[in-house]
Amino acid sequence: MIQADLTKYNFMERYDIRHDRAVFHVLIEAEQRDRCKNALNQALKLNGQLIISTFSPDSPTKCSGLFVRRCSPEALKNEVGDNLC
């Protein structure tokens, strides 16, 4: 297990699968999300799989006291693009 700031971490290995269930939705600023997407691109093998769980449009606006970015499946696909879908 790696514990680090995903928006700053440089992965040395590439992985077949990456599961995110508690990061992407707390990255409110576009710049944070861009850094996260760059790290994910670095971490995934070609044709690797990315699983992201995030808050839906009708979910709470906060989680553990932090504001969250809510989005639909379509908005998430638009956010991460074809390279990460």
PDB file of N, CA and C in Angstrom:
ATOM      1  N   MET A   1       0.846  -1.178   0.000  1.00  0.00           N
ATOM      2  CA  MET A   1       0.000   0.000   0.000  1.00  0.00           C
ATOM      3  C   MET A   1       0.891   1.240   0.000  1.00  0.00           C
ATOM      4  N   ILE A   2       0.504   2.218  -0.811  1.00  0.00           N
ATOM      5  CA  ILE A   2       1.216   3.489  -0.870  1.00  0.00           C
ATOM      6  C   ILE A   2       0.332   4.556  -0.233  1.00  0.00           C
ATOM      7  N   GLN A   3       0.875   5.291   0.706  1.00  0.00           N
ATOM      8  CA  GLN A   3       0.157   6.411   1.304  1.00  0.00           C
ATOM      9  C   GLN A   3       0.917   7.679   0.959  1.00  0.00           C
ATOM     10  N   ALA A   4       0.303   8.523   0.105  1.00  0.00           N
ATOM     11  CA  ALA A   4       0.978   9.738  -0.349  1.00  0.00           C
ATOM     12  C   ALA A   4      -0.056  10.684  -0.928  1.00  0.00           C
ATOM     13  N   ASP A   5       0.362  11.902  -1.172  1.00  0.00           N
ATOM     14  CA  ASP A   5      -0.483  12.890  -1.837  1.00  0.00           C
ATOM     15  C   ASP A   5      -0.500  12.545  -3.319  1.00  0.00           C
ATOM     16  N   LEU A   6      -1.616  12.069  -3.798  1.00  0.00           N
ATOM     17  CA  LEU A   6      -1.735  11.615  -5.179  1.00  0.00           C
ATOM     18  C   LEU A   6      -1.463  12.725  -6.180  1.00  0.00           C
ATOM     19  N   THR A   7      -1.721  13.967  -5.793  1.00  0.00           N
ATOM     20  CA  THR A   7      -1.506  15.075  -6.715  1.00  0.00           C
ATOM     21  C   THR A   7      -0.017  15.434  -6.851  1.00  0.00           C
ATOM     22  N   LYS A   8       0.844  14.817  -6.019  1.00  0.00           N
ATOM     23  CA  LYS A   8       2.279  15.112  -6.054  1.00  0.00           C
ATOM     24  C   LYS A   8       3.160  13.877  -6.200  1.00  0.00           C
ATOM     25  N   TYR A   9       2.576  12.709  -6.096  1.00  0.00           N
ATOM     26  CA  TYR A   9       3.350  11.472  -6.059  1.00  0.00           C
ATOM     27  C   TYR A   9       3.819  11.068  -7.460  1.00  0.00           C
ATOM     28  N   ASN A  10       5.062  10.603  -7.557  1.00  0.00           N
ATOM     29  CA  ASN A  10       5.598  10.073  -8.807  1.00  0.00           C
ATOM     30  C   ASN A  10       5.671   8.560  -8.705  1.00  0.00           C
ATOM     31  N   PHE A  11       4.805   7.891  -9.428  1.00  0.00           N
ATOM     32  CA  PHE A  11       4.781   6.432  -9.403  1.00  0.00           C
ATOM     33  C   PHE A  11       5.993   5.880 -10.140  1.00  0.00           C
ATOM     34  N   MET A  12       6.658   4.921  -9.550  1.00  0.00           N
ATOM     35  CA  MET A  12       7.809   4.272 -10.167  1.00  0.00           C
ATOM     36  C   MET A  12       7.387   3.018 -10.935  1.00  0.00           C
ATOM     37  N   GLU A  13       6.240   2.486 -10.599  1.00  0.00           N
ATOM     38  CA  GLU A  13       5.730   1.287 -11.262  1.00  0.00           C
ATOM     39  C   GLU A  13       4.415   1.618 -11.940  1.00  0.00           C
ATOM     40  N   ARG A  14       4.026   0.754 -12.858  1.00  0.00           N
ATOM     41  CA  ARG A  14       2.721   0.895 -13.517  1.00  0.00           C
ATOM     42  C   ARG A  14       1.848  -0.271 -13.074  1.00  0.00           C
ATOM     43  N   TYR A  15       0.560   0.003 -12.970  1.00  0.00           N
ATOM     44  CA  TYR A  15      -0.370  -0.976 -12.427  1.00  0.00           C
ATOM     45  C   TYR A  15      -1.473  -1.300 -13.432  1.00  0.00           C
ATOM     46  N   ASP A  16      -2.001  -2.514 -13.307  1.00  0.00           N
ATOM     47  CA  ASP A  16      -3.104  -2.947 -14.164  1.00  0.00           C
ATOM     48  C   ASP A  16      -4.417  -2.301 -13.758  1.00  0.00           C
ATOM     49  N   ILE A  17      -4.544  -2.011 -12.479  1.00  0.00           N
ATOM     50  CA  ILE A  17      -5.807  -1.470 -11.969  1.00  0.00           C
ATOM     51  C   ILE A  17      -5.521  -0.461 -10.857  1.00  0.00           C
ATOM     52  N   ARG A  18      -6.351   0.557 -10.815  1.00  0.00           N
ATOM     53  CA  ARG A  18      -6.284   1.571  -9.745  1.00  0.00           C
ATOM     54  C   ARG A  18      -7.700   1.825  -9.279  1.00  0.00           C
ATOM     55  N   HIS A  19      -7.918   1.737  -7.987  1.00  0.00           N
ATOM     56  CA  HIS A  19      -9.243   1.980  -7.412  1.00  0.00           C
ATOM     57  C   HIS A  19      -9.182   3.200  -6.515  1.00  0.00           C
ATOM     58  N   ASP A  20     -10.010   4.182  -6.825  1.00  0.00           N
ATOM     59  CA  ASP A  20     -10.093   5.402  -6.020  1.00  0.00           C
ATOM     60  C   ASP A  20     -11.514   5.529  -5.506  1.00  0.00           C
ATOM     61  N   ARG A  21     -11.669   5.504  -4.208  1.00  0.00           N
ATOM     62  CA  ARG A  21     -13.004   5.657  -3.644  1.00  0.00           C
ATOM     63  C   ARG A  21     -13.080   6.825  -2.663  1.00  0.00           C
ATOM     64  N   ALA A  22     -11.964   7.521  -2.475  1.00  0.00           N
ATOM     65  CA  ALA A  22     -12.010   8.576  -1.462  1.00  0.00           C
ATOM     66  C   ALA A  22     -11.073   9.741  -1.769  1.00  0.00           C
ATOM     67  N   VAL A  23     -10.765   9.958  -3.039  1.00  0.00           N
ATOM     68  CA  VAL A  23      -9.847  11.048  -3.361  1.00  0.00           C
ATOM     69  C   VAL A  23     -10.468  12.036  -4.338  1.00  0.00           C
ATOM     70  N   PHE A  24     -10.859  11.572  -5.496  1.00  0.00           N
ATOM     71  CA  PHE A  24     -11.213  12.471  -6.584  1.00  0.00           C
ATOM     72  C   PHE A  24     -12.306  13.468  -6.216  1.00  0.00           C
ATOM     73  N   HIS A  25     -13.262  13.052  -5.413  1.00  0.00           N
ATOM     74  CA  HIS A  25     -14.378  13.949  -5.086  1.00  0.00           C
ATOM     75  C   HIS A  25     -13.998  15.069  -4.112  1.00  0.00           C
ATOM     76  N   VAL A  26     -12.863  14.970  -3.429  1.00  0.00           N
ATOM     77  CA  VAL A  26     -12.444  16.063  -2.545  1.00  0.00           C
ATOM     78  C   VAL A  26     -11.474  17.021  -3.236  1.00  0.00           C
ATOM     79  N   LEU A  27     -11.137  16.741  -4.465  1.00  0.00           N
ATOM     80  CA  LEU A  27     -10.280  17.640  -5.248  1.00  0.00           C
ATOM     81  C   LEU A  27     -11.183  18.664  -5.920  1.00  0.00           C
ATOM     82  N   ILE A  28     -11.431  19.748  -5.218  1.00  0.00           N
ATOM     83  CA  ILE A  28     -12.382  20.762  -5.659  1.00  0.00           C
ATOM     84  C   ILE A  28     -11.820  21.597  -6.807  1.00  0.00           C
ATOM     85  N   GLU A  29     -10.553  21.958  -6.734  1.00  0.00           N
ATOM     86  CA  GLU A  29      -9.930  22.814  -7.742  1.00  0.00           C
ATOM     87  C   GLU A  29      -9.533  22.008  -8.978  1.00  0.00           C
ATOM     88  N   ALA A  30      -9.763  22.585 -10.151  1.00  0.00           N
ATOM     89  CA  ALA A  30      -9.425  21.911 -11.413  1.00  0.00           C
ATOM     90  C   ALA A  30      -7.939  21.555 -11.477  1.00  0.00           C
ATOM     91  N   GLU A  31      -7.086  22.423 -10.949  1.00  0.00           N
ATOM     92  CA  GLU A  31      -5.644  22.163 -10.966  1.00  0.00           C
ATOM     93  C   GLU A  31      -5.307  20.903 -10.162  1.00  0.00           C
ATOM     94  N   GLN A  32      -5.968  20.705  -9.033  1.00  0.00           N
ATOM     95  CA  GLN A  32      -5.752  19.496  -8.231  1.00  0.00           C
ATOM     96  C   GLN A  32      -6.155  18.261  -9.026  1.00  0.00           C
ATOM     97  N   ARG A  33      -7.309  18.342  -9.666  1.00  0.00           N
ATOM     98  CA  ARG A  33      -7.788  17.198 -10.449  1.00  0.00           C
ATOM     99  C   ARG A  33      -6.856  16.913 -11.624  1.00  0.00           C
ATOM    100  N   ASP A  34      -6.335  17.961 -12.249  1.00  0.00           N
ATOM    101  CA  ASP A  34      -5.396  17.761 -13.358  1.00  0.00           C
ATOM    102  C   ASP A  34      -4.137  17.043 -12.883  1.00  0.00           C
ATOM    103  N   ARG A  35      -3.610  17.437 -11.724  1.00  0.00           N
ATOM    104  CA  ARG A  35      -2.426  16.762 -11.175  1.00  0.00           C
ATOM    105  C   ARG A  35      -2.735  15.306 -10.836  1.00  0.00           C
ATOM    106  N   CYS A  36      -3.928  15.070 -10.315  1.00  0.00           N
ATOM    107  CA  CYS A  36      -4.363  13.712  -9.999  1.00  0.00           C
ATOM    108  C   CYS A  36      -4.448  12.877 -11.277  1.00  0.00           C
ATOM    109  N   LYS A  37      -5.050  13.428 -12.314  1.00  0.00           N
ATOM    110  CA  LYS A  37      -5.174  12.701 -13.585  1.00  0.00           C
ATOM    111  C   LYS A  37      -3.797  12.409 -14.177  1.00  0.00           C
ATOM    112  N   ASN A  38      -2.867  13.341 -14.074  1.00  0.00           N
ATOM    113  CA  ASN A  38      -1.505  13.094 -14.555  1.00  0.00           C
ATOM    114  C   ASN A  38      -0.852  11.944 -13.799  1.00  0.00           C
ATOM    115  N   ALA A  39      -1.038  11.919 -12.488  1.00  0.00           N
ATOM    116  CA  ALA A  39      -0.487  10.829 -11.677  1.00  0.00           C
ATOM    117  C   ALA A  39      -1.120   9.499 -12.056  1.00  0.00           C
ATOM    118  N   LEU A  40      -2.431   9.502 -12.294  1.00  0.00           N
ATOM    119  CA  LEU A  40      -3.109   8.267 -12.677  1.00  0.00           C
ATOM    120  C   LEU A  40      -2.627   7.782 -14.039  1.00  0.00           C
ATOM    121  N   ASN A  41      -2.435   8.706 -14.968  1.00  0.00           N
ATOM    122  CA  ASN A  41      -1.894   8.318 -16.274  1.00  0.00           C
ATOM    123  C   ASN A  41      -0.512   7.701 -16.128  1.00  0.00           C
ATOM    124  N   GLN A  42       0.280   8.234 -15.230  1.00  0.00           N
ATOM    125  CA  GLN A  42       1.621   7.723 -14.979  1.00  0.00           C
ATOM    126  C   GLN A  42       1.563   6.340 -14.331  1.00  0.00           C
ATOM    127  N   ALA A  43       0.562   6.113 -13.503  1.00  0.00           N
ATOM    128  CA  ALA A  43       0.493   4.887 -12.708  1.00  0.00           C
ATOM    129  C   ALA A  43      -0.130   3.702 -13.438  1.00  0.00           C
ATOM    130  N   LEU A  44      -0.944   3.964 -14.440  1.00  0.00           N
ATOM    131  CA  LEU A  44      -1.646   2.871 -15.108  1.00  0.00           C
ATOM    132  C   LEU A  44      -0.876   2.343 -16.308  1.00  0.00           C
ATOM    133  N   LYS A  45      -0.884   1.030 -16.441  1.00  0.00           N
ATOM    134  CA  LYS A  45      -0.330   0.412 -17.639  1.00  0.00           C
ATOM    135  C   LYS A  45      -1.233   0.725 -18.828  1.00  0.00           C
ATOM    136  N   LEU A  46      -0.709   0.554 -20.022  1.00  0.00           N
ATOM    137  CA  LEU A  46      -1.514   0.679 -21.220  1.00  0.00           C
ATOM    138  C   LEU A  46      -2.691  -0.283 -21.105  1.00  0.00           C
ATOM    139  N   ASN A  47      -3.883   0.196 -21.332  1.00  0.00           N
ATOM    140  CA  ASN A  47      -5.128  -0.576 -21.183  1.00  0.00           C
ATOM    141  C   ASN A  47      -5.417  -0.932 -19.728  1.00  0.00           C
ATOM    142  N   GLY A  48      -4.798  -0.225 -18.786  1.00  0.00           N
ATOM    143  CA  GLY A  48      -5.092  -0.434 -17.375  1.00  0.00           C
ATOM    144  C   GLY A  48      -6.503   0.038 -17.050  1.00  0.00           C
ATOM    145  N   GLN A  49      -7.016  -0.415 -15.945  1.00  0.00           N
ATOM    146  CA  GLN A  49      -8.380  -0.107 -15.536  1.00  0.00           C
ATOM    147  C   GLN A  49      -8.381   0.872 -14.366  1.00  0.00           C
ATOM    148  N   LEU A  50      -9.265   1.853 -14.434  1.00  0.00           N
ATOM    149  CA  LEU A  50      -9.428   2.823 -13.359  1.00  0.00           C
ATOM    150  C   LEU A  50     -10.856   2.744 -12.849  1.00  0.00           C
ATOM    151  N   ILE A  51     -10.997   2.594 -11.551  1.00  0.00           N
ATOM    152  CA  ILE A  51     -12.309   2.582 -10.902  1.00  0.00           C
ATOM    153  C   ILE A  51     -12.355   3.800  -9.987  1.00  0.00           C
ATOM    154  N   ILE A  52     -13.331   4.677 -10.219  1.00  0.00           N
ATOM    155  CA  ILE A  52     -13.482   5.862  -9.383  1.00  0.00           C
ATOM    156  C   ILE A  52     -14.884   5.871  -8.799  1.00  0.00           C
ATOM    157  N   SER A  53     -14.961   5.996  -7.492  1.00  0.00           N
ATOM    158  CA  SER A  53     -16.229   6.198  -6.807  1.00  0.00           C
ATOM    159  C   SER A  53     -16.269   7.645  -6.361  1.00  0.00           C
ATOM    160  N   THR A  54     -17.350   8.320  -6.662  1.00  0.00           N
ATOM    161  CA  THR A  54     -17.467   9.724  -6.297  1.00  0.00           C
ATOM    162  C   THR A  54     -18.908  10.032  -5.904  1.00  0.00           C
ATOM    163  N   PHE A  55     -19.156  11.241  -5.518  1.00  0.00           N
ATOM    164  CA  PHE A  55     -20.482  11.643  -5.068  1.00  0.00           C
ATOM    165  C   PHE A  55     -21.355  12.016  -6.264  1.00  0.00           C
ATOM    166  N   SER A  56     -22.577  11.539  -6.248  1.00  0.00           N
ATOM    167  CA  SER A  56     -23.526  11.838  -7.326  1.00  0.00           C
ATOM    168  C   SER A  56     -24.120  13.232  -7.135  1.00  0.00           C
ATOM    169  N   PRO A  57     -24.772  13.781  -8.160  1.00  0.00           N
ATOM    170  CA  PRO A  57     -25.332  15.133  -8.067  1.00  0.00           C
ATOM    171  C   PRO A  57     -26.310  15.345  -6.903  1.00  0.00           C
ATOM    172  N   ASP A  58     -26.988  14.292  -6.473  1.00  0.00           N
ATOM    173  CA  ASP A  58     -27.967  14.457  -5.396  1.00  0.00           C
ATOM    174  C   ASP A  58     -27.450  13.993  -4.029  1.00  0.00           C
ATOM    175  N   SER A  59     -26.156  13.780  -3.910  1.00  0.00           N
ATOM    176  CA  SER A  59     -25.571  13.345  -2.641  1.00  0.00           C
ATOM    177  C   SER A  59     -25.211  14.549  -1.776  1.00  0.00           C
ATOM    178  N   PRO A  60     -24.792  14.320  -0.528  1.00  0.00           N
ATOM    179  CA  PRO A  60     -24.420  15.428   0.357  1.00  0.00           C
ATOM    180  C   PRO A  60     -23.288  16.275  -0.231  1.00  0.00           C
ATOM    181  N   THR A  61     -23.205  17.508   0.211  1.00  0.00           N
ATOM    182  CA  THR A  61     -22.170  18.428  -0.272  1.00  0.00           C
ATOM    183  C   THR A  61     -20.875  18.329   0.526  1.00  0.00           C
ATOM    184  N   LYS A  62     -20.913  17.593   1.646  1.00  0.00           N
ATOM    185  CA  LYS A  62     -19.728  17.422   2.478  1.00  0.00           C
ATOM    186  C   LYS A  62     -19.565  15.964   2.883  1.00  0.00           C
ATOM    187  N   CYS A  63     -18.303  15.612   3.125  1.00  0.00           N
ATOM    188  CA  CYS A  63     -17.969  14.289   3.653  1.00  0.00           C
ATOM    189  C   CYS A  63     -16.856  14.482   4.671  1.00  0.00           C
ATOM    190  N   SER A  64     -17.066  14.015   5.869  1.00  0.00           N
ATOM    191  CA  SER A  64     -16.081  14.174   6.948  1.00  0.00           C
ATOM    192  C   SER A  64     -15.650  15.626   7.111  1.00  0.00           C
ATOM    193  N   GLY A  65     -16.600  16.543   6.924  1.00  0.00           N
ATOM    194  CA  GLY A  65     -16.336  17.962   7.111  1.00  0.00           C
ATOM    195  C   GLY A  65     -15.724  18.659   5.910  1.00  0.00           C
ATOM    196  N   LEU A  66     -15.424  17.907   4.854  1.00  0.00           N
ATOM    197  CA  LEU A  66     -14.820  18.483   3.650  1.00  0.00           C
ATOM    198  C   LEU A  66     -15.875  18.640   2.560  1.00  0.00           C
ATOM    199  N   PHE A  67     -15.826  19.759   1.848  1.00  0.00           N
ATOM    200  CA  PHE A  67     -16.703  19.912   0.699  1.00  0.00           C
ATOM    201  C   PHE A  67     -16.290  18.909  -0.365  1.00  0.00           C
ATOM    202  N   VAL A  68     -17.268  18.388  -1.081  1.00  0.00           N
ATOM    203  CA  VAL A  68     -16.995  17.422  -2.145  1.00  0.00           C
ATOM    204  C   VAL A  68     -17.501  17.953  -3.476  1.00  0.00           C
ATOM    205  N   ARG A  69     -16.897  17.471  -4.515  1.00  0.00           N
ATOM    206  CA  ARG A  69     -17.322  17.795  -5.868  1.00  0.00           C
ATOM    207  C   ARG A  69     -18.210  16.647  -6.323  1.00  0.00           C
ATOM    208  N   ARG A  70     -19.444  16.965  -6.604  1.00  0.00           N
ATOM    209  CA  ARG A  70     -20.407  15.946  -7.017  1.00  0.00           C
ATOM    210  C   ARG A  70     -20.497  15.933  -8.544  1.00  0.00           C
ATOM    211  N   CYS A  71     -20.649  14.763  -9.120  1.00  0.00           N
ATOM    212  CA  CYS A  71     -20.798  14.724 -10.573  1.00  0.00           C
ATOM    213  C   CYS A  71     -21.512  13.448 -11.013  1.00  0.00           C
ATOM    214  N   SER A  72     -22.138  13.553 -12.158  1.00  0.00           N
ATOM    215  CA  SER A  72     -22.820  12.420 -12.773  1.00  0.00           C
ATOM    216  C   SER A  72     -21.785  11.514 -13.444  1.00  0.00           C
ATOM    217  N   PRO A  73     -22.180  10.309 -13.826  1.00  0.00           N
ATOM    218  CA  PRO A  73     -21.241   9.446 -14.565  1.00  0.00           C
ATOM    219  C   PRO A  73     -20.737  10.117 -15.850  1.00  0.00           C
ATOM    220  N   GLU A  74     -21.621  10.829 -16.524  1.00  0.00           N
ATOM    221  CA  GLU A  74     -21.228  11.511 -17.757  1.00  0.00           C
ATOM    222  C   GLU A  74     -20.204  12.616 -17.475  1.00  0.00           C
ATOM    223  N   ALA A  75     -20.452  13.385 -16.410  1.00  0.00           N
ATOM    224  CA  ALA A  75     -19.519  14.458 -16.043  1.00  0.00           C
ATOM    225  C   ALA A  75     -18.158  13.878 -15.645  1.00  0.00           C
ATOM    226  N   LEU A  76     -18.162  12.742 -14.948  1.00  0.00           N
ATOM    227  CA  LEU A  76     -16.907  12.100 -14.566  1.00  0.00           C
ATOM    228  C   LEU A  76     -16.165  11.621 -15.802  1.00  0.00           C
ATOM    229  N   LYS A  77     -16.868  11.027 -16.744  1.00  0.00           N
ATOM    230  CA  LYS A  77     -16.244  10.584 -17.993  1.00  0.00           C
ATOM    231  C   LYS A  77     -15.655  11.770 -18.735  1.00  0.00           C
ATOM    232  N   ASN A  78     -16.386  12.881 -18.783  1.00  0.00           N
ATOM    233  CA  ASN A  78     -15.853  14.080 -19.434  1.00  0.00           C
ATOM    234  C   ASN A  78     -14.620  14.602 -18.700  1.00  0.00           C
ATOM    235  N   GLU A  79     -14.628  14.484 -17.390  1.00  0.00           N
ATOM    236  CA  GLU A  79     -13.504  14.977 -16.582  1.00  0.00           C
ATOM    237  C   GLU A  79     -12.228  14.166 -16.814  1.00  0.00           C
ATOM    238  N   VAL A  80     -12.338  12.858 -16.795  1.00  0.00           N
ATOM    239  CA  VAL A  80     -11.140  12.038 -16.916  1.00  0.00           C
ATOM    240  C   VAL A  80     -10.776  11.736 -18.360  1.00  0.00           C
ATOM    241  N   GLY A  81     -11.721  11.877 -19.280  1.00  0.00           N
ATOM    242  CA  GLY A  81     -11.431  11.657 -20.687  1.00  0.00           C
ATOM    243  C   GLY A  81     -11.301  10.203 -21.056  1.00  0.00           C
ATOM    244  N   ASP A  82     -11.054   9.976 -22.315  1.00  0.00           N
ATOM    245  CA  ASP A  82     -10.950   8.608 -22.826  1.00  0.00           C
ATOM    246  C   ASP A  82      -9.690   7.899 -22.356  1.00  0.00           C
ATOM    247  N   ASN A  83      -8.641   8.651 -22.056  1.00  0.00           N
ATOM    248  CA  ASN A  83      -7.394   8.010 -21.628  1.00  0.00           C
ATOM    249  C   ASN A  83      -7.536   7.285 -20.307  1.00  0.00           C
ATOM    250  N   LEU A  84      -8.448   7.741 -19.440  1.00  0.00           N
ATOM    251  CA  LEU A  84      -8.602   7.118 -18.135  1.00  0.00           C
ATOM    252  C   LEU A  84      -9.902   6.356 -17.997  1.00  0.00           C
ATOM    253  N   CYS A  85     -10.671   6.249 -19.048  1.00  0.00           N
ATOM    254  CA  CYS A  85     -11.955   5.516 -18.954  1.00  0.00           C
ATOM    255  C   CYS A  85     -11.824   4.128 -19.498  1.00  0.00           C
TER     256      CYS A  85
END
